Structures are given as C-alpha cells and as structure tokens.
Amino acid sequence: MRILPRTVRWEDGRVILIDQTKLPEELTFIECEDVECVARAI
C-alpha cells in the first residue's frame, strides 16, 4: 500500500500545502500565515 502525504494541513497557525507546480519531480511545501499567501498558492 502506498502512503501519500496530506495535500493541505493546519499546523501551528499556518496552512501548509503541497507545491503542485514542482510535482512529480520533487515534493515541496508552501507555508502560509495569511490569506494572501493562501490565495497565491491556490
């Protein structure tokens, strides 16, 4: 069974998202602390 990372999570007051523009070559995350960052990430 393949275990996949969570695509979006809330941690320590931040939204952490997978940067899908880097897939499938690398798995990196975007950490957002405000709504503007989340909007750009989407």
PDB file of N, CA and C in Angstrom:
ATOM      1  N   MET A   1       0.841  -1.186   0.000  1.00  0.00           N
ATOM      2  CA  MET A   1       0.000   0.000   0.000  1.00  0.00           C
ATOM      3  C   MET A   1       0.886   1.249   0.000  1.00  0.00           C
ATOM      4  N   ARG A   2       0.546   2.188  -0.859  1.00  0.00           N
ATOM      5  CA  ARG A   2       1.313   3.431  -0.988  1.00  0.00           C
ATOM      6  C   ARG A   2       0.755   4.488  -0.038  1.00  0.00           C
ATOM      7  N   ILE A   3       1.627   5.120   0.731  1.00  0.00           N
ATOM      8  CA  ILE A   3       1.210   6.171   1.662  1.00  0.00           C
ATOM      9  C   ILE A   3       1.482   7.526   1.012  1.00  0.00           C
ATOM     10  N   LEU A   4       0.441   8.343   0.901  1.00  0.00           N
ATOM     11  CA  LEU A   4       0.551   9.663   0.277  1.00  0.00           C
ATOM     12  C   LEU A   4       0.539  10.747   1.351  1.00  0.00           C
ATOM     13  N   PRO A   5       1.283  11.837   1.140  1.00  0.00           N
ATOM     14  CA  PRO A   5       1.266  12.933   2.108  1.00  0.00           C
ATOM     15  C   PRO A   5      -0.064  13.686   2.042  1.00  0.00           C
ATOM     16  N   ARG A   6      -0.412  14.320   3.141  1.00  0.00           N
ATOM     17  CA  ARG A   6      -1.610  15.161   3.147  1.00  0.00           C
ATOM     18  C   ARG A   6      -1.349  16.369   2.266  1.00  0.00           C
ATOM     19  N   THR A   7      -2.299  16.701   1.421  1.00  0.00           N
ATOM     20  CA  THR A   7      -2.100  17.803   0.478  1.00  0.00           C
ATOM     21  C   THR A   7      -2.240  19.173   1.134  1.00  0.00           C
ATOM     22  N   VAL A   8      -3.079  19.262   2.163  1.00  0.00           N
ATOM     23  CA  VAL A   8      -3.276  20.518   2.895  1.00  0.00           C
ATOM     24  C   VAL A   8      -3.389  20.173   4.370  1.00  0.00           C
ATOM     25  N   ARG A   9      -2.701  20.959   5.201  1.00  0.00           N
ATOM     26  CA  ARG A   9      -2.850  20.733   6.646  1.00  0.00           C
ATOM     27  C   ARG A   9      -2.695  22.052   7.401  1.00  0.00           C
ATOM     28  N   TRP A  10      -3.227  22.089   8.615  1.00  0.00           N
ATOM     29  CA  TRP A  10      -3.133  23.240   9.504  1.00  0.00           C
ATOM     30  C   TRP A  10      -2.163  22.853  10.611  1.00  0.00           C
ATOM     31  N   GLU A  11      -1.130  23.676  10.812  1.00  0.00           N
ATOM     32  CA  GLU A  11      -0.112  23.347  11.804  1.00  0.00           C
ATOM     33  C   GLU A  11       0.459  24.627  12.394  1.00  0.00           C
ATOM     34  N   ASP A  12       0.375  24.770  13.705  1.00  0.00           N
ATOM     35  CA  ASP A  12       0.943  25.928  14.409  1.00  0.00           C
ATOM     36  C   ASP A  12       0.500  27.263  13.816  1.00  0.00           C
ATOM     37  N   GLY A  13      -0.783  27.391  13.490  1.00  0.00           N
ATOM     38  CA  GLY A  13      -1.312  28.650  12.975  1.00  0.00           C
ATOM     39  C   GLY A  13      -0.994  28.929  11.519  1.00  0.00           C
ATOM     40  N   ARG A  14      -0.514  27.913  10.798  1.00  0.00           N
ATOM     41  CA  ARG A  14      -0.170  28.079   9.382  1.00  0.00           C
ATOM     42  C   ARG A  14      -0.892  27.024   8.554  1.00  0.00           C
ATOM     43  N   VAL A  15      -1.189  27.380   7.314  1.00  0.00           N
ATOM     44  CA  VAL A  15      -1.698  26.418   6.342  1.00  0.00           C
ATOM     45  C   VAL A  15      -0.487  25.929   5.562  1.00  0.00           C
ATOM     46  N   ILE A  16      -0.336  24.619   5.468  1.00  0.00           N
ATOM     47  CA  ILE A  16       0.791  24.035   4.741  1.00  0.00           C
ATOM     48  C   ILE A  16       0.227  23.238   3.576  1.00  0.00           C
ATOM     49  N   LEU A  17       0.667  23.599   2.361  1.00  0.00           N
ATOM     50  CA  LEU A  17       0.145  22.994   1.133  1.00  0.00           C
ATOM     51  C   LEU A  17       1.279  22.386   0.326  1.00  0.00           C
ATOM     52  N   ILE A  18       0.970  21.343  -0.431  1.00  0.00           N
ATOM     53  CA  ILE A  18       1.945  20.811  -1.376  1.00  0.00           C
ATOM     54  C   ILE A  18       2.056  21.788  -2.542  1.00  0.00           C
ATOM     55  N   ASP A  19       3.275  22.107  -2.933  1.00  0.00           N
ATOM     56  CA  ASP A  19       3.507  22.942  -4.118  1.00  0.00           C
ATOM     57  C   ASP A  19       3.391  22.035  -5.340  1.00  0.00           C
ATOM     58  N   GLN A  20       2.210  21.995  -5.928  1.00  0.00           N
ATOM     59  CA  GLN A  20       1.947  21.072  -7.028  1.00  0.00           C
ATOM     60  C   GLN A  20       2.659  21.465  -8.316  1.00  0.00           C
ATOM     61  N   THR A  21       3.207  22.678  -8.381  1.00  0.00           N
ATOM     62  CA  THR A  21       3.965  23.068  -9.574  1.00  0.00           C
ATOM     63  C   THR A  21       5.296  22.326  -9.647  1.00  0.00           C
ATOM     64  N   LYS A  22       5.747  21.736  -8.558  1.00  0.00           N
ATOM     65  CA  LYS A  22       7.024  21.011  -8.519  1.00  0.00           C
ATOM     66  C   LYS A  22       6.858  19.511  -8.771  1.00  0.00           C
ATOM     67  N   LEU A  23       5.629  19.025  -8.692  1.00  0.00           N
ATOM     68  CA  LEU A  23       5.380  17.588  -8.883  1.00  0.00           C
ATOM     69  C   LEU A  23       5.544  17.198 -10.335  1.00  0.00           C
ATOM     70  N   PRO A  24       5.909  16.005 -10.696  1.00  0.00           N
ATOM     71  CA  PRO A  24       6.273  14.891  -9.822  1.00  0.00           C
ATOM     72  C   PRO A  24       7.766  14.840  -9.508  1.00  0.00           C
ATOM     73  N   GLU A  25       8.539  15.808  -9.983  1.00  0.00           N
ATOM     74  CA  GLU A  25       9.990  15.761  -9.785  1.00  0.00           C
ATOM     75  C   GLU A  25      10.397  15.872  -8.319  1.00  0.00           C
ATOM     76  N   GLU A  26       9.724  16.749  -7.573  1.00  0.00           N
ATOM     77  CA  GLU A  26      10.071  16.900  -6.162  1.00  0.00           C
ATOM     78  C   GLU A  26       8.832  17.222  -5.344  1.00  0.00           C
ATOM     79  N   LEU A  27       8.904  16.883  -4.067  1.00  0.00           N
ATOM     80  CA  LEU A  27       7.817  17.149  -3.134  1.00  0.00           C
ATOM     81  C   LEU A  27       8.249  18.295  -2.231  1.00  0.00           C
ATOM     82  N   THR A  28       7.645  19.467  -2.439  1.00  0.00           N
ATOM     83  CA  THR A  28       7.935  20.632  -1.604  1.00  0.00           C
ATOM     84  C   THR A  28       6.624  21.199  -1.085  1.00  0.00           C
ATOM     85  N   PHE A  29       6.730  21.966  -0.022  1.00  0.00           N
ATOM     86  CA  PHE A  29       5.548  22.517   0.625  1.00  0.00           C
ATOM     87  C   PHE A  29       5.619  24.035   0.661  1.00  0.00           C
ATOM     88  N   ILE A  30       4.452  24.662   0.646  1.00  0.00           N
ATOM     89  CA  ILE A  30       4.311  26.108   0.804  1.00  0.00           C
ATOM     90  C   ILE A  30       3.686  26.329   2.172  1.00  0.00           C
ATOM     91  N   GLU A  31       4.294  27.189   2.988  1.00  0.00           N
ATOM     92  CA  GLU A  31       3.756  27.505   4.306  1.00  0.00           C
ATOM     93  C   GLU A  31       3.161  28.904   4.270  1.00  0.00           C
ATOM     94  N   CYS A  32       1.881  29.015   4.591  1.00  0.00           N
ATOM     95  CA  CYS A  32       1.177  30.302   4.532  1.00  0.00           C
ATOM     96  C   CYS A  32       0.681  30.703   5.913  1.00  0.00           C
ATOM     97  N   GLU A  33       0.923  31.966   6.242  1.00  0.00           N
ATOM     98  CA  GLU A  33       0.457  32.507   7.512  1.00  0.00           C
ATOM     99  C   GLU A  33      -0.651  33.538   7.336  1.00  0.00           C
ATOM    100  N   ASP A  34      -0.997  33.883   6.079  1.00  0.00           N
ATOM    101  CA  ASP A  34      -2.063  34.859   5.854  1.00  0.00           C
ATOM    102  C   ASP A  34      -2.865  34.487   4.607  1.00  0.00           C
ATOM    103  N   VAL A  35      -4.007  35.127   4.480  1.00  0.00           N
ATOM    104  CA  VAL A  35      -4.929  34.798   3.393  1.00  0.00           C
ATOM    105  C   VAL A  35      -4.340  35.111   2.020  1.00  0.00           C
ATOM    106  N   GLU A  36      -3.520  36.141   1.931  1.00  0.00           N
ATOM    107  CA  GLU A  36      -2.914  36.489   0.645  1.00  0.00           C
ATOM    108  C   GLU A  36      -2.001  35.370   0.144  1.00  0.00           C
ATOM    109  N   CYS A  37      -1.235  34.789   1.027  1.00  0.00           N
ATOM    110  CA  CYS A  37      -0.348  33.679   0.657  1.00  0.00           C
ATOM    111  C   CYS A  37      -1.165  32.471   0.201  1.00  0.00           C
ATOM    112  N   VAL A  38      -2.233  32.167   0.915  1.00  0.00           N
ATOM    113  CA  VAL A  38      -3.090  31.037   0.530  1.00  0.00           C
ATOM    114  C   VAL A  38      -3.702  31.290  -0.843  1.00  0.00           C
ATOM    115  N   ALA A  39      -4.166  32.509  -1.091  1.00  0.00           N
ATOM    116  CA  ALA A  39      -4.761  32.840  -2.388  1.00  0.00           C
ATOM    117  C   ALA A  39      -3.742  32.680  -3.515  1.00  0.00           C
ATOM    118  N   ARG A  40      -2.507  33.116  -3.301  1.00  0.00           N
ATOM    119  CA  ARG A  40      -1.455  32.946  -4.318  1.00  0.00           C
ATOM    120  C   ARG A  40      -1.149  31.470  -4.542  1.00  0.00           C
ATOM    121  N   ALA A  41      -1.156  30.694  -3.488  1.00  0.00           N
ATOM    122  CA  ALA A  41      -0.837  29.266  -3.593  1.00  0.00           C
ATOM    123  C   ALA A  41      -1.903  28.505  -4.372  1.00  0.00           C
ATOM    124  N   ILE A  42      -3.138  28.961  -4.253  1.00  0.00           N
ATOM    125  CA  ILE A  42      -4.233  28.295  -4.975  1.00  0.00           C
ATOM    126  C   ILE A  42      -4.144  28.648  -6.436  1.00  0.00           C
TER     127      ILE A  42
END
